[in-house]
Amino acid sequence: MGARGGGGRKMAAVGGTAERLAAAAPVRLPCSAWLLAAAVLTANKVSAVEVNTPEEMFVENGTDAKLPCTFTSVEVISSAASVSWSFQPEGAATRISFFYYFNGRPYPGKDIPFKDRITWAGDLNKKDASISISNMQFRDNGTYICDVKNPPDIVVKPGEIRVRVVEKGPSHLRAVRSLWRTAQRQD
């Protein structure tokens, strides 16, 4: 029995030491907990850019189209503000980046399908990030995504426009416009 008692005293001594060490040791949190705490404390310093685009547009084949994109930001528009446009062809799973605007300069993509057809039509000081595409073709059917960053306003949900290129012609265009008005009234 003495052996058991002695072991018990050793455990008590070890347990007592561990409790004293735990009380004296600083609390260690995982790095992710510190990052979360920092994010929560600074969250109110970052606001979001709100991007506005029409949901859908109809464009006649062979004509030029202005893709409107406006935004709101509580911050002053700075030289760090940027705009990027991408395109997701109808039926495709991936997006193609085709235009970038930064520091007062447009950078249109040089790859097909938009080579030499994109022009900057916006004015960031007026919170306008629109572009124009010349000579719209049926292959241009799809979703166009406008993404605006104005640091520190960088949290943003990009605007999306579904573009439908239709045959050129007054009777066909009237029919499309009529369908468009009917759909708008139902919403």
C-alpha atoms as a PDB file:
ATOM      1  CA  MET A   1       0.000   0.000   0.000  1.00  0.00           C
ATOM      2  CA  GLY A   2       2.887   2.307   0.671  1.00  0.00           C
ATOM      3  CA  ALA A   3       3.884   2.176  -2.972  1.00  0.00           C
ATOM      4  CA  ARG A   4       0.426   3.205  -4.052  1.00  0.00           C
ATOM      5  CA  GLY A   5       0.334   6.025  -1.558  1.00  0.00           C
ATOM      6  CA  GLY A   6       3.735   7.317  -2.639  1.00  0.00           C
ATOM      7  CA  GLY A   7       2.649   7.262  -6.276  1.00  0.00           C
ATOM      8  CA  GLY A   8      -0.453   9.146  -5.333  1.00  0.00           C
ATOM      9  CA  ARG A   9       1.572  11.837  -3.644  1.00  0.00           C
ATOM     10  CA  LYS A  10       3.796  12.174  -6.703  1.00  0.00           C
ATOM     11  CA  MET A  11       0.732  12.603  -8.917  1.00  0.00           C
ATOM     12  CA  ALA A  12      -0.602  15.229  -6.564  1.00  0.00           C
ATOM     13  CA  ALA A  13       2.721  17.027  -6.666  1.00  0.00           C
ATOM     14  CA  VAL A  14       2.862  16.821 -10.464  1.00  0.00           C
ATOM     15  CA  GLY A  15      -0.764  17.958 -10.666  1.00  0.00           C
ATOM     16  CA  GLY A  16      -0.100  20.864  -8.363  1.00  0.00           C
ATOM     17  CA  THR A  17       2.915  21.921 -10.427  1.00  0.00           C
ATOM     18  CA  ALA A  18       0.918  21.745 -13.647  1.00  0.00           C
ATOM     19  CA  GLU A  19      -1.807  23.924 -12.168  1.00  0.00           C
ATOM     20  CA  ARG A  20       0.732  26.492 -11.034  1.00  0.00           C
ATOM     21  CA  LEU A  21       2.360  26.502 -14.496  1.00  0.00           C
ATOM     22  CA  ALA A  22      -1.013  26.887 -16.235  1.00  0.00           C
ATOM     23  CA  ALA A  23      -1.875  29.837 -14.027  1.00  0.00           C
ATOM     24  CA  ALA A  24       1.449  31.539 -14.731  1.00  0.00           C
ATOM     25  CA  ALA A  25       1.704  30.762 -18.498  1.00  0.00           C
ATOM     26  CA  PRO A  26       0.380  33.349 -20.986  1.00  0.00           C
ATOM     27  CA  VAL A  27      -2.670  32.340 -23.031  1.00  0.00           C
ATOM     28  CA  ARG A  28      -1.700  31.145 -26.491  1.00  0.00           C
ATOM     29  CA  LEU A  29      -4.319  31.433 -29.216  1.00  0.00           C
ATOM     30  CA  PRO A  30      -3.948  30.027 -32.695  1.00  0.00           C
ATOM     31  CA  CYS A  31      -2.909  32.525 -35.370  1.00  0.00           C
ATOM     32  CA  SER A  32      -6.336  32.274 -37.010  1.00  0.00           C
ATOM     33  CA  ALA A  33      -7.990  33.533 -33.809  1.00  0.00           C
ATOM     34  CA  TRP A  34      -5.738  36.620 -33.772  1.00  0.00           C
ATOM     35  CA  LEU A  35      -6.461  37.272 -37.464  1.00  0.00           C
ATOM     36  CA  LEU A  36     -10.198  36.976 -36.850  1.00  0.00           C
ATOM     37  CA  ALA A  37      -9.978  39.392 -33.925  1.00  0.00           C
ATOM     38  CA  ALA A  38      -8.006  41.878 -36.054  1.00  0.00           C
ATOM     39  CA  ALA A  39     -10.536  41.590 -38.891  1.00  0.00           C
ATOM     40  CA  VAL A  40     -13.450  42.234 -36.537  1.00  0.00           C
ATOM     41  CA  LEU A  41     -11.728  45.272 -35.022  1.00  0.00           C
ATOM     42  CA  THR A  42     -10.927  46.807 -38.434  1.00  0.00           C
ATOM     43  CA  ALA A  43     -14.101  45.771 -40.261  1.00  0.00           C
ATOM     44  CA  ASN A  44     -15.763  49.094 -39.667  1.00  0.00           C
ATOM     45  CA  LYS A  45     -12.889  50.915 -41.430  1.00  0.00           C
ATOM     46  CA  VAL A  46     -13.490  49.192 -44.795  1.00  0.00           C
ATOM     47  CA  SER A  47     -16.655  49.886 -46.715  1.00  0.00           C
ATOM     48  CA  ALA A  48     -17.997  48.386 -49.879  1.00  0.00           C
ATOM     49  CA  VAL A  49     -18.182  49.691 -53.403  1.00  0.00           C
ATOM     50  CA  GLU A  50     -21.662  49.138 -54.780  1.00  0.00           C
ATOM     51  CA  VAL A  51     -21.679  48.431 -58.525  1.00  0.00           C
ATOM     52  CA  ASN A  52     -24.806  49.057 -60.618  1.00  0.00           C
ATOM     53  CA  THR A  53     -25.464  47.583 -64.059  1.00  0.00           C
ATOM     54  CA  PRO A  54     -28.596  46.703 -65.982  1.00  0.00           C
ATOM     55  CA  GLU A  55     -29.523  43.067 -65.611  1.00  0.00           C
ATOM     56  CA  GLU A  56     -29.974  42.479 -69.343  1.00  0.00           C
ATOM     57  CA  MET A  57     -29.389  44.312 -72.639  1.00  0.00           C
ATOM     58  CA  PHE A  58     -30.421  43.640 -76.231  1.00  0.00           C
ATOM     59  CA  VAL A  59     -28.018  44.847 -78.936  1.00  0.00           C
ATOM     60  CA  GLU A  60     -28.411  44.663 -82.700  1.00  0.00           C
ATOM     61  CA  ASN A  61     -25.830  42.635 -84.595  1.00  0.00           C
ATOM     62  CA  GLY A  62     -23.164  44.857 -86.188  1.00  0.00           C
ATOM     63  CA  THR A  63     -23.867  47.892 -83.985  1.00  0.00           C
ATOM     64  CA  ASP A  64     -21.878  49.475 -81.173  1.00  0.00           C
ATOM     65  CA  ALA A  65     -22.969  48.922 -77.585  1.00  0.00           C
ATOM     66  CA  LYS A  66     -22.256  50.935 -74.467  1.00  0.00           C
ATOM     67  CA  LEU A  67     -22.191  48.646 -71.424  1.00  0.00           C
ATOM     68  CA  PRO A  68     -23.200  50.909 -68.529  1.00  0.00           C
ATOM     69  CA  CYS A  69     -21.561  50.429 -65.156  1.00  0.00           C
ATOM     70  CA  THR A  70     -21.845  52.961 -62.346  1.00  0.00           C
ATOM     71  CA  PHE A  71     -20.785  52.672 -58.730  1.00  0.00           C
ATOM     72  CA  THR A  72     -21.001  54.295 -55.327  1.00  0.00           C
ATOM     73  CA  SER A  73     -18.140  54.657 -52.887  1.00  0.00           C
ATOM     74  CA  VAL A  74     -17.875  56.648 -49.678  1.00  0.00           C
ATOM     75  CA  GLU A  75     -14.188  57.206 -50.328  1.00  0.00           C
ATOM     76  CA  VAL A  76     -12.775  59.902 -52.615  1.00  0.00           C
ATOM     77  CA  ILE A  77     -11.866  58.412 -55.987  1.00  0.00           C
ATOM     78  CA  SER A  78      -8.110  57.958 -55.844  1.00  0.00           C
ATOM     79  CA  SER A  79      -5.414  57.126 -58.375  1.00  0.00           C
ATOM     80  CA  ALA A  80      -5.503  53.596 -56.933  1.00  0.00           C
ATOM     81  CA  ALA A  81      -9.075  53.084 -58.201  1.00  0.00           C
ATOM     82  CA  SER A  82      -9.375  50.421 -60.879  1.00  0.00           C
ATOM     83  CA  VAL A  83     -11.969  48.809 -63.121  1.00  0.00           C
ATOM     84  CA  SER A  84     -11.826  45.401 -64.712  1.00  0.00           C
ATOM     85  CA  TRP A  85     -14.250  43.872 -67.180  1.00  0.00           C
ATOM     86  CA  SER A  86     -14.581  40.186 -67.947  1.00  0.00           C
ATOM     87  CA  PHE A  87     -16.830  38.119 -70.187  1.00  0.00           C
ATOM     88  CA  GLN A  88     -18.418  34.717 -69.744  1.00  0.00           C
ATOM     89  CA  PRO A  89     -19.667  33.435 -73.094  1.00  0.00           C
ATOM     90  CA  GLU A  90     -23.109  31.881 -73.135  1.00  0.00           C
ATOM     91  CA  GLY A  91     -22.810  28.216 -72.150  1.00  0.00           C
ATOM     92  CA  ALA A  92     -19.180  28.555 -70.948  1.00  0.00           C
ATOM     93  CA  ALA A  93     -18.005  27.879 -67.402  1.00  0.00           C
ATOM     94  CA  THR A  94     -15.023  30.261 -67.355  1.00  0.00           C
ATOM     95  CA  ARG A  95     -14.604  34.014 -67.643  1.00  0.00           C
ATOM     96  CA  ILE A  96     -12.271  35.899 -69.960  1.00  0.00           C
ATOM     97  CA  SER A  97     -10.708  39.141 -68.677  1.00  0.00           C
ATOM     98  CA  PHE A  98     -10.637  41.604 -71.549  1.00  0.00           C
ATOM     99  CA  PHE A  99     -10.325  45.145 -70.158  1.00  0.00           C
ATOM    100  CA  TYR A 100      -8.581  46.911 -67.275  1.00  0.00           C
ATOM    101  CA  TYR A 101      -8.568  50.605 -66.307  1.00  0.00           C
ATOM    102  CA  PHE A 102      -6.063  51.959 -63.796  1.00  0.00           C
ATOM    103  CA  ASN A 103      -4.419  55.309 -62.996  1.00  0.00           C
ATOM    104  CA  GLY A 104      -6.281  57.125 -65.754  1.00  0.00           C
ATOM    105  CA  ARG A 105      -5.295  54.662 -68.477  1.00  0.00           C
ATOM    106  CA  PRO A 106      -7.342  52.006 -70.276  1.00  0.00           C
ATOM    107  CA  TYR A 107      -5.749  48.637 -70.987  1.00  0.00           C
ATOM    108  CA  PRO A 108      -7.946  46.833 -73.512  1.00  0.00           C
ATOM    109  CA  GLY A 109      -7.160  43.193 -74.061  1.00  0.00           C
ATOM    110  CA  LYS A 110      -5.394  42.268 -77.255  1.00  0.00           C
ATOM    111  CA  ASP A 111      -6.907  38.814 -77.526  1.00  0.00           C
ATOM    112  CA  ILE A 112      -9.855  37.723 -79.572  1.00  0.00           C
ATOM    113  CA  PRO A 113     -12.856  38.052 -79.270  1.00  0.00           C
ATOM    114  CA  PHE A 114     -12.596  41.767 -78.382  1.00  0.00           C
ATOM    115  CA  LYS A 115      -9.341  42.804 -80.053  1.00  0.00           C
ATOM    116  CA  ASP A 116      -9.511  46.450 -81.206  1.00  0.00           C
ATOM    117  CA  ARG A 117     -13.237  46.745 -80.356  1.00  0.00           C
ATOM    118  CA  ILE A 118     -13.179  48.068 -76.755  1.00  0.00           C
ATOM    119  CA  THR A 119     -13.090  51.734 -75.734  1.00  0.00           C
ATOM    120  CA  TRP A 120     -13.318  53.356 -72.304  1.00  0.00           C
ATOM    121  CA  ALA A 121     -16.625  55.257 -72.033  1.00  0.00           C
ATOM    122  CA  GLY A 122     -16.534  56.014 -68.316  1.00  0.00           C
ATOM    123  CA  ASP A 123     -15.333  58.733 -65.983  1.00  0.00           C
ATOM    124  CA  LEU A 124     -14.254  57.557 -62.532  1.00  0.00           C
ATOM    125  CA  ASN A 125     -14.686  61.057 -61.081  1.00  0.00           C
ATOM    126  CA  LYS A 126     -18.375  60.743 -62.009  1.00  0.00           C
ATOM    127  CA  LYS A 127     -18.394  57.147 -60.689  1.00  0.00           C
ATOM    128  CA  ASP A 128     -18.909  55.753 -64.174  1.00  0.00           C
ATOM    129  CA  ALA A 129     -16.992  52.631 -65.258  1.00  0.00           C
ATOM    130  CA  SER A 130     -18.751  52.045 -68.602  1.00  0.00           C
ATOM    131  CA  ILE A 131     -17.142  50.679 -71.750  1.00  0.00           C
ATOM    132  CA  SER A 132     -18.176  50.519 -75.403  1.00  0.00           C
ATOM    133  CA  ILE A 133     -17.816  47.539 -77.699  1.00  0.00           C
ATOM    134  CA  SER A 134     -17.948  48.152 -81.424  1.00  0.00           C
ATOM    135  CA  ASN A 135     -19.401  45.839 -84.050  1.00  0.00           C
ATOM    136  CA  MET A 136     -21.288  43.503 -81.712  1.00  0.00           C
ATOM    137  CA  GLN A 137     -21.560  39.950 -83.059  1.00  0.00           C
ATOM    138  CA  PHE A 138     -23.644  36.918 -82.128  1.00  0.00           C
ATOM    139  CA  ARG A 139     -20.533  35.383 -80.567  1.00  0.00           C
ATOM    140  CA  ASP A 140     -20.641  38.282 -78.057  1.00  0.00           C
ATOM    141  CA  ASN A 141     -23.755  36.823 -76.386  1.00  0.00           C
ATOM    142  CA  GLY A 142     -23.066  36.171 -72.716  1.00  0.00           C
ATOM    143  CA  THR A 143     -22.526  37.802 -69.351  1.00  0.00           C
ATOM    144  CA  TYR A 144     -20.287  40.861 -68.923  1.00  0.00           C
ATOM    145  CA  ILE A 145     -18.890  41.506 -65.455  1.00  0.00           C
ATOM    146  CA  CYS A 146     -17.854  44.976 -64.228  1.00  0.00           C
ATOM    147  CA  ASP A 147     -15.626  44.991 -61.134  1.00  0.00           C
ATOM    148  CA  VAL A 148     -14.637  48.265 -59.437  1.00  0.00           C
ATOM    149  CA  LYS A 149     -12.064  48.765 -56.682  1.00  0.00           C
ATOM    150  CA  ASN A 150     -11.505  52.073 -54.873  1.00  0.00           C
ATOM    151  CA  PRO A 151      -9.160  51.379 -51.941  1.00  0.00           C
ATOM    152  CA  PRO A 152      -9.856  51.147 -49.119  1.00  0.00           C
ATOM    153  CA  ASP A 153     -13.322  50.361 -50.547  1.00  0.00           C
ATOM    154  CA  ILE A 154     -12.447  46.991 -52.023  1.00  0.00           C
ATOM    155  CA  VAL A 155     -15.196  44.682 -50.838  1.00  0.00           C
ATOM    156  CA  VAL A 156     -17.476  44.512 -53.835  1.00  0.00           C
ATOM    157  CA  LYS A 157     -19.996  42.374 -55.632  1.00  0.00           C
ATOM    158  CA  PRO A 158     -19.341  42.937 -59.328  1.00  0.00           C
ATOM    159  CA  GLY A 159     -22.137  44.069 -61.614  1.00  0.00           C
ATOM    160  CA  GLU A 160     -23.294  41.597 -64.264  1.00  0.00           C
ATOM    161  CA  ILE A 161     -25.034  42.330 -67.560  1.00  0.00           C
ATOM    162  CA  ARG A 162     -26.481  39.577 -69.702  1.00  0.00           C
ATOM    163  CA  VAL A 163     -26.087  40.764 -73.294  1.00  0.00           C
ATOM    164  CA  ARG A 164     -28.186  39.321 -76.097  1.00  0.00           C
ATOM    165  CA  VAL A 165     -27.156  40.175 -79.635  1.00  0.00           C
ATOM    166  CA  VAL A 166     -30.180  40.097 -81.934  1.00  0.00           C
ATOM    167  CA  GLU A 167     -30.651  40.328 -85.693  1.00  0.00           C
ATOM    168  CA  LYS A 168     -30.544  43.807 -87.153  1.00  0.00           C
ATOM    169  CA  GLY A 169     -33.873  45.027 -88.437  1.00  0.00           C
ATOM    170  CA  PRO A 170     -36.693  47.267 -87.326  1.00  0.00           C
ATOM    171  CA  SER A 171     -39.465  44.658 -87.105  1.00  0.00           C
ATOM    172  CA  HIS A 172     -37.328  42.209 -85.150  1.00  0.00           C
ATOM    173  CA  LEU A 173     -36.103  44.954 -82.839  1.00  0.00           C
ATOM    174  CA  ARG A 174     -39.677  46.123 -82.153  1.00  0.00           C
ATOM    175  CA  ALA A 175     -40.626  42.561 -81.187  1.00  0.00           C
ATOM    176  CA  VAL A 176     -37.650  42.297 -78.841  1.00  0.00           C
ATOM    177  CA  ARG A 177     -38.421  45.675 -77.269  1.00  0.00           C
ATOM    178  CA  SER A 178     -42.032  44.623 -76.765  1.00  0.00           C
ATOM    179  CA  LEU A 179     -40.923  41.419 -75.032  1.00  0.00           C
ATOM    180  CA  TRP A 180     -38.481  43.445 -72.938  1.00  0.00           C
ATOM    181  CA  ARG A 181     -41.214  45.864 -71.770  1.00  0.00           C
ATOM    182  CA  THR A 182     -43.529  42.965 -70.940  1.00  0.00           C
ATOM    183  CA  ALA A 183     -40.822  41.247 -68.888  1.00  0.00           C
ATOM    184  CA  GLN A 184     -40.049  44.515 -67.043  1.00  0.00           C
ATOM    185  CA  ARG A 185     -43.703  44.980 -66.074  1.00  0.00           C
ATOM    186  CA  GLN A 186     -43.848  41.474 -64.617  1.00  0.00           C
ATOM    187  CA  ASP A 187     -40.896  42.167 -62.288  1.00  0.00           C
END
